[in-house]
Protein backbone atom coordinates (compact mmCIF):
# COMPACT_ATOMS: atom_id res chain seq x y z
CA MET A 1 -23.15 10.41 10.36
CA GLN A 2 -20.03 8.39 11.15
CA PRO A 3 -16.81 10.43 10.90
CA ALA A 4 -14.01 9.45 8.54
CA ALA A 5 -11.58 6.87 9.90
CA ILE A 6 -8.76 9.23 8.88
CA ALA A 7 -9.29 12.76 7.57
CA ILE A 8 -6.20 14.70 6.49
CA GLU A 9 -6.60 18.32 5.41
CA HIS A 10 -3.74 20.29 3.84
CA LEU A 11 -1.02 18.45 5.75
CA THR A 12 2.43 20.03 5.45
CA LYS A 13 5.69 18.94 7.03
CA HIS A 14 9.19 20.37 6.47
CA TYR A 15 12.59 19.08 7.50
CA GLY A 16 14.72 22.15 7.00
CA ALA A 17 14.56 23.03 3.32
CA LEU A 18 12.99 19.67 2.46
CA LYS A 19 9.21 19.66 2.10
CA ALA A 20 8.44 16.05 3.01
CA VAL A 21 4.64 16.47 2.76
CA ASP A 22 3.22 19.24 0.61
CA ASP A 23 -0.42 20.30 1.21
CA LEU A 24 -1.74 16.74 1.32
CA SER A 25 -5.47 16.06 1.76
CA LEU A 26 -6.84 12.55 2.07
CA THR A 27 -9.85 10.70 3.52
CA VAL A 28 -9.96 7.04 4.54
CA HIS A 29 -13.45 5.68 5.11
CA PRO A 30 -14.44 3.49 8.09
CA GLY A 31 -13.97 -0.20 7.30
CA GLU A 32 -11.86 0.53 4.23
CA PHE A 33 -8.71 -1.31 3.13
CA PHE A 34 -6.66 1.59 1.78
CA GLY A 35 -3.24 1.57 0.07
CA LEU A 36 -0.73 4.39 0.33
CA LEU A 37 2.02 3.90 -2.25
CA GLY A 38 5.04 5.81 -3.49
CA PRO A 39 8.78 5.53 -4.02
CA ASN A 40 11.26 6.10 -1.20
CA GLY A 41 11.15 9.75 -0.16
CA ALA A 42 7.59 10.28 -1.40
CA GLY A 43 6.33 11.25 2.06
CA LYS A 44 4.50 8.07 3.08
CA THR A 45 6.35 7.51 6.36
CA THR A 46 6.07 11.18 7.32
CA THR A 47 2.33 11.06 6.68
CA ILE A 48 1.94 7.93 8.80
CA SER A 49 4.12 9.40 11.54
CA ALA A 50 1.91 12.49 11.63
CA ILE A 51 -1.22 10.34 11.93
CA VAL A 52 0.11 8.40 14.92
CA GLY A 53 1.76 11.42 16.57
CA LEU A 54 5.42 10.57 16.02
CA VAL A 55 5.96 13.89 14.25
CA ARG A 56 4.21 17.24 14.63
CA ASN A 57 2.94 18.67 11.38
CA ASP A 58 3.83 22.21 10.34
CA GLY A 59 0.43 22.87 8.80
CA GLY A 60 -2.96 21.31 8.26
CA GLN A 61 -5.06 19.03 10.40
CA ILE A 62 -5.47 15.29 10.94
CA ARG A 63 -8.50 13.67 12.57
CA VAL A 64 -8.88 10.01 13.48
CA MET A 65 -12.53 9.02 13.92
CA GLY A 66 -13.23 12.71 14.50
CA HIS A 67 -10.45 13.23 17.07
CA ASP A 68 -7.75 15.76 16.28
CA VAL A 69 -4.39 14.00 16.61
CA GLN A 70 -2.82 17.02 18.33
CA ALA A 71 -5.64 18.62 20.32
CA ASP A 72 -7.18 15.29 21.39
CA TYR A 73 -4.09 13.14 21.16
CA ARG A 74 -4.90 10.65 23.93
CA GLN A 75 -8.15 9.50 22.35
CA ALA A 76 -6.69 9.58 18.84
CA ARG A 77 -3.78 7.34 19.90
CA ARG A 78 -6.17 4.76 21.38
CA ILE A 79 -7.95 4.39 18.06
CA VAL A 80 -4.85 3.63 15.96
CA GLY A 81 -2.55 0.62 15.96
CA LEU A 82 0.77 0.92 14.10
CA SER A 83 2.66 -2.06 12.73
CA ALA A 84 5.99 -0.44 11.92
CA GLN A 85 8.50 -1.69 9.38
CA GLU A 86 11.41 -1.69 11.83
CA TYR A 87 11.56 -4.08 14.79
CA ASN A 88 11.75 -2.30 18.15
CA PHE A 89 10.92 -5.00 20.67
CA ASP A 90 12.48 -5.17 24.14
CA ARG A 91 15.04 -7.96 23.76
CA TYR A 92 14.71 -8.94 27.44
CA LEU A 93 10.98 -9.70 27.28
CA SER A 94 9.23 -12.84 26.13
CA ILE A 95 6.94 -12.25 23.19
CA GLU A 96 3.93 -12.72 25.49
CA ASP A 97 5.24 -9.96 27.74
CA VAL A 98 5.89 -7.76 24.69
CA LEU A 99 2.14 -7.75 24.08
CA ILE A 100 1.21 -7.33 27.73
CA TYR A 101 3.59 -4.38 28.18
CA GLN A 102 2.22 -2.79 25.02
CA ALA A 103 -1.31 -3.10 26.41
CA GLY A 104 -0.13 -1.35 29.56
CA TYR A 105 0.65 1.80 27.58
CA PHE A 106 -3.09 2.02 26.91
CA GLY A 107 -4.11 1.42 30.51
CA ILE A 108 -5.13 -2.20 29.98
CA PRO A 109 -4.51 -4.28 33.14
CA THR A 110 -2.60 -7.55 32.94
CA ALA A 111 -5.70 -9.57 33.84
CA ILE A 112 -7.28 -8.42 30.58
CA ALA A 113 -4.10 -8.14 28.52
CA ARG A 114 -2.84 -11.69 29.10
CA PRO A 115 -5.83 -13.60 27.67
CA ARG A 116 -6.02 -11.07 24.86
CA ALA A 117 -2.31 -11.66 24.13
CA HIS A 118 -2.89 -15.43 24.09
CA THR A 119 -5.70 -15.02 21.56
CA LEU A 120 -3.51 -12.92 19.26
CA LEU A 121 -0.53 -15.26 19.60
CA LYS A 122 -2.74 -18.20 18.61
CA GLN A 123 -4.23 -16.20 15.74
CA PHE A 124 -0.78 -15.48 14.33
CA GLY A 125 0.71 -18.92 15.01
CA LEU A 126 3.02 -17.76 17.80
CA PHE A 127 1.46 -19.27 20.93
CA GLU A 128 3.99 -22.10 21.23
CA LYS A 129 6.76 -19.46 21.23
CA ARG A 130 5.14 -17.25 23.88
CA ASP A 131 7.92 -17.74 26.44
CA VAL A 132 10.88 -17.00 24.15
CA ASP A 133 12.33 -13.59 23.34
CA TYR A 134 11.96 -12.08 19.90
CA LEU A 135 15.63 -12.60 18.95
CA LYS A 136 14.88 -16.32 18.67
CA LEU A 137 12.06 -15.79 16.18
CA SER A 138 12.37 -16.08 12.43
CA GLY A 139 11.85 -13.00 10.28
CA GLY A 140 8.32 -14.08 9.42
CA MET A 141 7.44 -14.62 13.09
CA LYS A 142 8.74 -11.15 13.94
CA ARG A 143 6.46 -9.70 11.26
CA ARG A 144 3.47 -11.48 12.76
CA LEU A 145 4.43 -10.33 16.26
CA THR A 146 4.60 -6.73 15.03
CA ILE A 147 1.02 -6.93 13.77
CA ALA A 148 -0.17 -8.69 16.94
CA ARG A 149 1.36 -5.94 19.07
CA ALA A 150 -0.44 -3.29 17.00
CA LEU A 151 -3.75 -5.07 17.70
CA ILE A 152 -3.39 -5.69 21.46
CA HIS A 153 -5.37 -2.57 22.45
CA GLU A 154 -8.12 -3.38 19.92
CA PRO A 155 -7.76 -0.30 17.69
CA LYS A 156 -10.35 0.74 15.14
CA VAL A 157 -7.67 1.70 12.61
CA LEU A 158 -4.61 -0.43 11.79
CA ILE A 159 -1.69 1.10 9.91
CA LEU A 160 0.67 -1.41 8.29
CA ASP A 161 4.06 -0.17 7.12
CA GLU A 162 5.57 -2.83 4.84
CA PRO A 163 3.95 -5.70 6.80
CA THR A 164 5.28 -8.50 4.56
CA ALA A 165 8.77 -7.17 3.82
CA GLY A 166 11.29 -9.99 3.90
CA THR A 167 8.69 -12.76 4.20
CA ASP A 168 8.43 -15.78 1.94
CA VAL A 169 5.53 -16.34 -0.43
CA ALA A 170 3.66 -18.80 1.81
CA LEU A 171 3.72 -16.47 4.82
CA ARG A 172 2.77 -13.50 2.68
CA LEU A 173 -0.34 -15.29 1.44
CA GLU A 174 -1.18 -16.35 4.99
CA LEU A 175 -0.90 -12.76 6.24
CA TRP A 176 -3.04 -11.54 3.35
CA GLN A 177 -5.80 -13.92 4.45
CA GLN A 178 -5.54 -12.78 8.08
CA LEU A 179 -5.65 -9.12 7.08
CA ARG A 180 -8.67 -9.70 4.86
CA GLU A 181 -10.47 -11.33 7.78
CA LEU A 182 -9.64 -8.43 10.10
CA ASN A 183 -10.98 -6.02 7.49
CA ARG A 184 -14.16 -8.11 7.06
CA GLN A 185 -14.68 -7.78 10.82
CA GLY A 186 -14.80 -4.00 10.39
CA LEU A 187 -11.21 -2.95 11.05
CA THR A 188 -10.03 -0.04 8.92
CA ILE A 189 -6.61 -0.85 7.43
CA VAL A 190 -4.09 1.49 5.81
CA LEU A 191 -1.27 -0.30 3.99
CA THR A 192 2.04 0.89 2.64
CA THR A 193 3.99 -1.64 0.61
CA HIS A 194 6.63 -1.97 -2.08
CA TYR A 195 4.93 -5.13 -3.34
CA LEU A 196 2.49 -3.63 -5.80
CA GLU A 197 0.67 -6.91 -6.36
CA GLU A 198 -0.06 -6.84 -2.61
CA ALA A 199 -1.82 -3.50 -2.95
CA GLU A 200 -3.72 -4.75 -6.01
CA GLU A 201 -4.84 -7.83 -4.11
CA LEU A 202 -5.89 -6.22 -0.83
CA CYS A 203 -6.77 -2.56 -1.25
CA LYS A 204 -10.14 -1.22 -2.40
CA ARG A 205 -8.65 2.23 -3.00
CA ILE A 206 -5.10 3.38 -3.59
CA ALA A 207 -3.31 6.71 -3.36
CA ILE A 208 0.07 7.14 -5.06
CA MET A 209 2.41 9.80 -3.64
CA ARG A 210 5.32 11.61 -5.23
CA GLU A 211 7.43 14.36 -3.63
CA GLY A 212 4.97 14.87 -0.79
CA ARG A 213 1.86 15.10 -2.97
CA ILE A 214 -0.82 12.68 -4.12
CA VAL A 215 -0.57 12.17 -7.87
CA ALA A 216 -3.33 9.54 -8.19
CA LEU A 217 -6.24 8.45 -5.99
CA ASP A 218 -9.07 6.14 -6.98
CA GLU A 219 -10.57 2.68 -6.59
CA THR A 220 -7.90 0.12 -7.39
CA LYS A 221 -9.68 -1.54 -10.31
CA ARG A 222 -10.57 1.78 -11.88
CA LEU A 223 -7.08 3.16 -11.34
CA ILE A 224 -5.45 0.19 -13.04
CA GLY A 225 -8.00 -0.61 -15.72
CA GLY A 226 -9.66 2.59 -16.86
CA ALA A 227 -6.66 4.85 -16.53
CA THR A 228 -4.04 2.63 -18.09
CA GLY A 229 -5.82 0.46 -20.64
CA GLN A 230 -3.87 -2.24 -22.47
CA THR A 231 -0.67 -2.49 -24.48
CA LEU A 232 -1.01 -3.57 -28.12
CA THR A 233 2.08 -4.96 -29.84
CA VAL A 234 1.93 -5.67 -33.58
CA HIS A 235 4.63 -7.67 -35.37
CA LEU A 236 5.28 -6.39 -38.89
CA SER A 237 6.26 -8.03 -42.15
CA GLY A 238 8.69 -5.17 -42.81
CA PRO A 239 9.46 -1.54 -41.96
CA LEU A 240 6.61 0.96 -42.34
CA THR A 241 7.28 3.89 -44.66
CA GLU A 242 4.58 5.92 -42.92
CA LEU A 243 2.38 5.48 -39.88
CA PRO A 244 -1.35 5.18 -40.66
CA LEU A 245 -3.46 8.09 -39.46
CA ALA A 246 -5.07 6.03 -36.68
CA TRP A 247 -1.60 5.44 -35.22
CA GLN A 248 -0.41 9.02 -35.75
CA ASP A 249 -3.27 10.18 -33.53
CA ARG A 250 -1.64 8.19 -30.70
CA LEU A 251 1.93 9.14 -31.54
CA ALA A 252 2.83 10.09 -27.95
CA HIS A 253 2.09 6.50 -26.87
CA VAL A 254 3.68 4.68 -29.82
CA THR A 255 7.10 3.02 -30.01
CA GLN A 256 8.29 1.59 -33.32
CA THR A 257 11.05 -0.56 -34.78
CA ASP A 258 11.40 -2.19 -38.19
CA GLU A 259 9.95 -5.44 -36.81
CA GLN A 260 7.14 -4.25 -34.54
CA ILE A 261 5.04 -1.33 -33.38
CA THR A 262 3.60 -0.89 -29.86
CA VAL A 263 0.95 1.45 -28.50
CA THR A 264 -0.08 1.84 -24.84
CA GLY A 265 -3.36 2.93 -23.28
CA VAL A 266 -5.48 0.94 -25.72
CA GLN A 267 -9.12 0.09 -24.93
CA PRO A 268 -10.64 -3.12 -26.38
CA ALA A 269 -12.75 -1.19 -28.91
CA ASP A 270 -9.60 0.42 -30.33
CA VAL A 271 -7.86 -2.81 -31.34
CA GLY A 272 -9.82 -3.57 -34.52
CA PRO A 273 -9.41 -0.12 -36.14
CA LEU A 274 -5.69 -0.02 -35.28
CA LEU A 275 -5.06 -3.43 -36.85
CA ALA A 276 -7.21 -2.63 -39.89
CA ALA A 277 -5.16 0.52 -40.51
CA LEU A 278 -2.00 -1.63 -40.83
CA GLY A 279 -3.60 -4.11 -43.22
CA ASP A 280 -1.34 -6.82 -44.66
CA ALA A 281 1.69 -5.51 -42.76
CA VAL A 282 0.50 -7.41 -39.66
CA THR A 283 2.13 -10.81 -39.04
CA GLY A 284 1.35 -11.21 -35.34
CA VAL A 285 -0.45 -9.49 -32.47
CA SER A 286 -0.24 -9.49 -28.66
CA LEU A 287 -2.45 -7.60 -26.22
CA THR A 288 -1.47 -7.30 -22.56
CA GLN A 289 -3.29 -5.68 -19.65
CA ARG A 290 -1.17 -3.05 -17.99
CA ASN A 291 -0.91 -3.29 -14.22
CA LEU A 292 -0.28 -1.15 -11.19
CA GLN A 293 3.47 -1.34 -11.74
CA ASP A 294 3.07 0.32 -15.14
CA LEU A 295 0.90 3.09 -13.71
CA PHE A 296 3.27 3.59 -10.80
CA LEU A 297 6.19 4.00 -13.19
CA GLU A 298 4.28 6.54 -15.28
CA LEU A 299 3.26 8.67 -12.30
CA THR A 300 6.45 8.58 -10.27
CA GLY A 301 9.16 7.93 -12.83
CA GLU A 302 10.45 5.11 -10.64
CA ARG A 303 9.92 1.35 -10.59
CA LEU A 304 9.65 -0.21 -7.17
CA PRO A 305 12.06 -3.07 -6.50
CA GLU A 306 10.72 -6.53 -7.34
CA THR A 307 12.01 -9.70 -5.75
CA ASP A 308 11.78 -13.31 -6.86
CA GLU A 309 9.35 -13.86 -3.98
CA ALA A 310 7.13 -10.98 -5.06
CA THR A 311 7.12 -12.19 -8.66
CA ALA A 312 6.31 -15.72 -7.53
């Protein structure tokens, strides 16, 4: 039986009195596109850092394709590629040499690394810039270079930390297509992002973290659809003197003004009985599907920042 791509058991990490990760357990399956979400300070970066060996956990165990990241760290490191959010390229190297030097850390000779670097640079639209240093690249090109560098040693697991931050809509869509293709080829991908529509679009399963713990974990469609339902808004002909019984049963999810009444978490079969209970008081109706942003807000109490690009 093939081992899990990433298996985390009871991971704990403290920074002084701060418990950054609190008894976290998580499994990522081989070939999966997995999303790890949460507000700032939720513990995502600490978890990723523990997987790739940048921090030593205080408790628990992490295995990558069956290899313990502490006891068998050399083999575990070879399996994982990390595309970090921050740029940390050597400013004195051409972007081709950035990839070749990165390959050298994994014992890959230049004779193999150079053609592999050329393939990746072509794949990410950077080949014509191969002789320039990264400071002369646009923000979008730097993002693509970061992913190419993470792939130079041909890892089985790719971890993407905010891979499209600061990119425009066109580049974001282009990167989505490239990441989908890599995943179709069998690469396991773990994504952290503040663009929730990105997680909805790419990830088969999603885990949402808060204060070092996982507060939700399921298939993306099930997490969004089954758990959240829809929002029913009814416009009224006048103030209600009393809520009908069908609405009182959902009181915790109801908001009301003189002009309208709204209830969340509604399933399609519920709409008819709720409207019938209001009778002639109904003058208009709207039904909207709640999304991952709504669920995220419920579970974490925070709304991730949205930009015009993300909305577009």
